[in-house]
Protein backbone atom coordinates (compact mmCIF):
# COMPACT_ATOMS: atom_id res chain seq x y z
CA UNK A 1 4.28 -16.55 8.70
CA UNK A 2 0.75 -15.35 7.65
CA UNK A 3 -2.14 -15.58 8.70
CA UNK A 4 -5.15 -14.96 6.55
CA UNK A 5 -4.34 -11.71 5.42
CA UNK A 6 -2.52 -10.92 8.59
CA UNK A 7 1.61 -10.68 8.19
CA UNK A 8 2.68 -12.04 11.49
CA UNK A 9 5.89 -12.27 10.64
CA UNK A 10 6.00 -8.41 11.63
CA UNK A 11 4.29 -8.68 15.04
CA UNK A 12 6.36 -8.50 18.36
CA UNK A 13 6.71 -10.79 20.37
CA UNK A 14 4.12 -8.99 22.78
CA UNK A 15 1.74 -8.99 20.54
CA UNK A 16 2.14 -12.56 18.90
CA UNK A 17 1.83 -13.62 22.87
CA UNK A 18 -1.38 -12.26 22.85
CA UNK A 19 -2.57 -13.66 20.18
CA UNK A 20 -1.36 -17.04 21.62
CA UNK A 21 -3.18 -16.08 25.09
CA UNK A 22 -6.49 -15.05 22.79
CA UNK A 23 -6.30 -18.65 20.75
CA UNK A 24 -6.11 -20.37 24.15
CA UNK A 25 -9.01 -18.28 25.34
CA UNK A 26 -11.44 -19.32 22.96
CA UNK A 27 -10.45 -23.08 23.49
CA UNK A 28 -11.53 -22.14 27.34
CA UNK A 29 -14.80 -20.79 25.88
CA UNK A 30 -15.67 -23.74 23.69
CA UNK A 31 -13.84 -26.29 24.89
CA UNK A 32 -13.69 -28.45 21.80
CA UNK A 33 -10.85 -28.23 19.03
CA UNK A 34 -13.63 -28.23 16.31
CA UNK A 35 -15.61 -25.79 18.20
CA UNK A 36 -12.90 -23.63 18.75
CA UNK A 37 -10.83 -23.67 14.86
CA UNK A 38 -14.46 -22.69 13.44
CA UNK A 39 -14.60 -19.51 16.24
CA UNK A 40 -11.38 -18.82 14.88
CA UNK A 41 -12.42 -18.99 11.32
CA UNK A 42 -15.18 -16.40 11.77
CA UNK A 43 -13.01 -13.99 13.55
CA UNK A 44 -11.04 -11.25 11.56
CA UNK A 45 -7.92 -12.39 9.56
CA UNK A 46 -9.50 -14.69 7.12
CA UNK A 47 -7.35 -18.04 7.79
CA UNK A 48 -7.24 -20.77 6.26
CA UNK A 49 -8.57 -23.90 8.40
CA UNK A 50 -4.98 -24.91 8.57
CA UNK A 51 -3.69 -22.03 9.91
CA UNK A 52 -6.37 -21.94 12.16
CA UNK A 53 -5.30 -24.85 13.37
CA UNK A 54 -1.98 -24.47 13.59
CA UNK A 55 -2.63 -21.66 15.72
CA UNK A 56 -5.00 -23.25 18.35
CA UNK A 57 -2.45 -26.26 18.93
CA UNK A 58 0.45 -24.39 18.83
CA UNK A 59 -0.99 -21.84 21.38
CA UNK A 60 -2.04 -24.64 23.28
CA UNK A 61 0.96 -26.52 23.25
CA UNK A 62 2.78 -23.81 24.04
CA UNK A 63 0.90 -21.68 26.63
CA UNK A 64 -2.00 -23.87 28.08
CA UNK A 65 -0.29 -28.23 27.99
CA UNK A 66 -3.32 -28.16 30.86
CA UNK A 67 -5.43 -28.34 27.37
CA UNK A 68 -3.87 -30.53 25.33
CA UNK A 69 -6.05 -33.06 25.85
CA UNK A 70 -8.41 -31.28 23.59
CA UNK A 71 -6.00 -31.48 20.97
CA UNK A 72 -6.66 -34.37 18.88
CA UNK A 73 -4.19 -36.12 16.99
CA UNK A 74 -2.33 -34.06 14.36
CA UNK A 75 -2.58 -36.45 11.58
CA UNK A 76 -6.66 -36.29 12.33
CA UNK A 77 -7.03 -32.30 12.32
CA UNK A 78 -4.54 -31.68 9.63
CA UNK A 79 -4.40 -34.66 7.27
CA UNK A 80 -7.76 -36.05 7.06
CA UNK A 81 -10.67 -32.73 7.91
CA UNK A 82 -13.18 -35.10 6.68
CA UNK A 83 -12.99 -36.92 10.07
CA UNK A 84 -12.99 -33.73 12.60
CA UNK A 85 -16.60 -34.54 13.36
CA UNK A 86 -18.75 -31.24 14.20
CA UNK A 87 -16.41 -28.83 12.20
CA UNK A 88 -16.87 -31.09 8.91
CA UNK A 89 -20.25 -31.16 9.10
CA UNK A 90 -20.84 -27.45 9.56
CA UNK A 91 -18.43 -25.57 7.92
CA UNK A 92 -17.75 -25.60 4.11
CA UNK A 93 -14.67 -23.14 3.76
CA UNK A 94 -14.15 -22.35 -0.10
CA UNK A 95 -11.19 -23.92 -1.72
CA UNK A 96 -8.41 -21.23 -2.45
CA UNK A 97 -6.41 -20.89 -5.62
CA UNK A 98 -3.11 -20.79 -4.26
């Protein structure tokens, strides 16, 4: 699994846990899924929108389930980015040819 320009498959369990906990911390700070994903996109690694959303969702579900009420329904977040509210209005991520 890749996350932007980072190869996650070579990470140790401790490193992956640290990344997941950091993502949960971003959500605690921003208090909305869209703003937290935007923060991940602006951070290191150059992830795609889908990668940042997936990292946030999986981190919350596995490490911080008390925050799961902040997660949008999966089909709203991943399949319909035009319905993402603040994020869709303020951030334009260039399409990649891949």
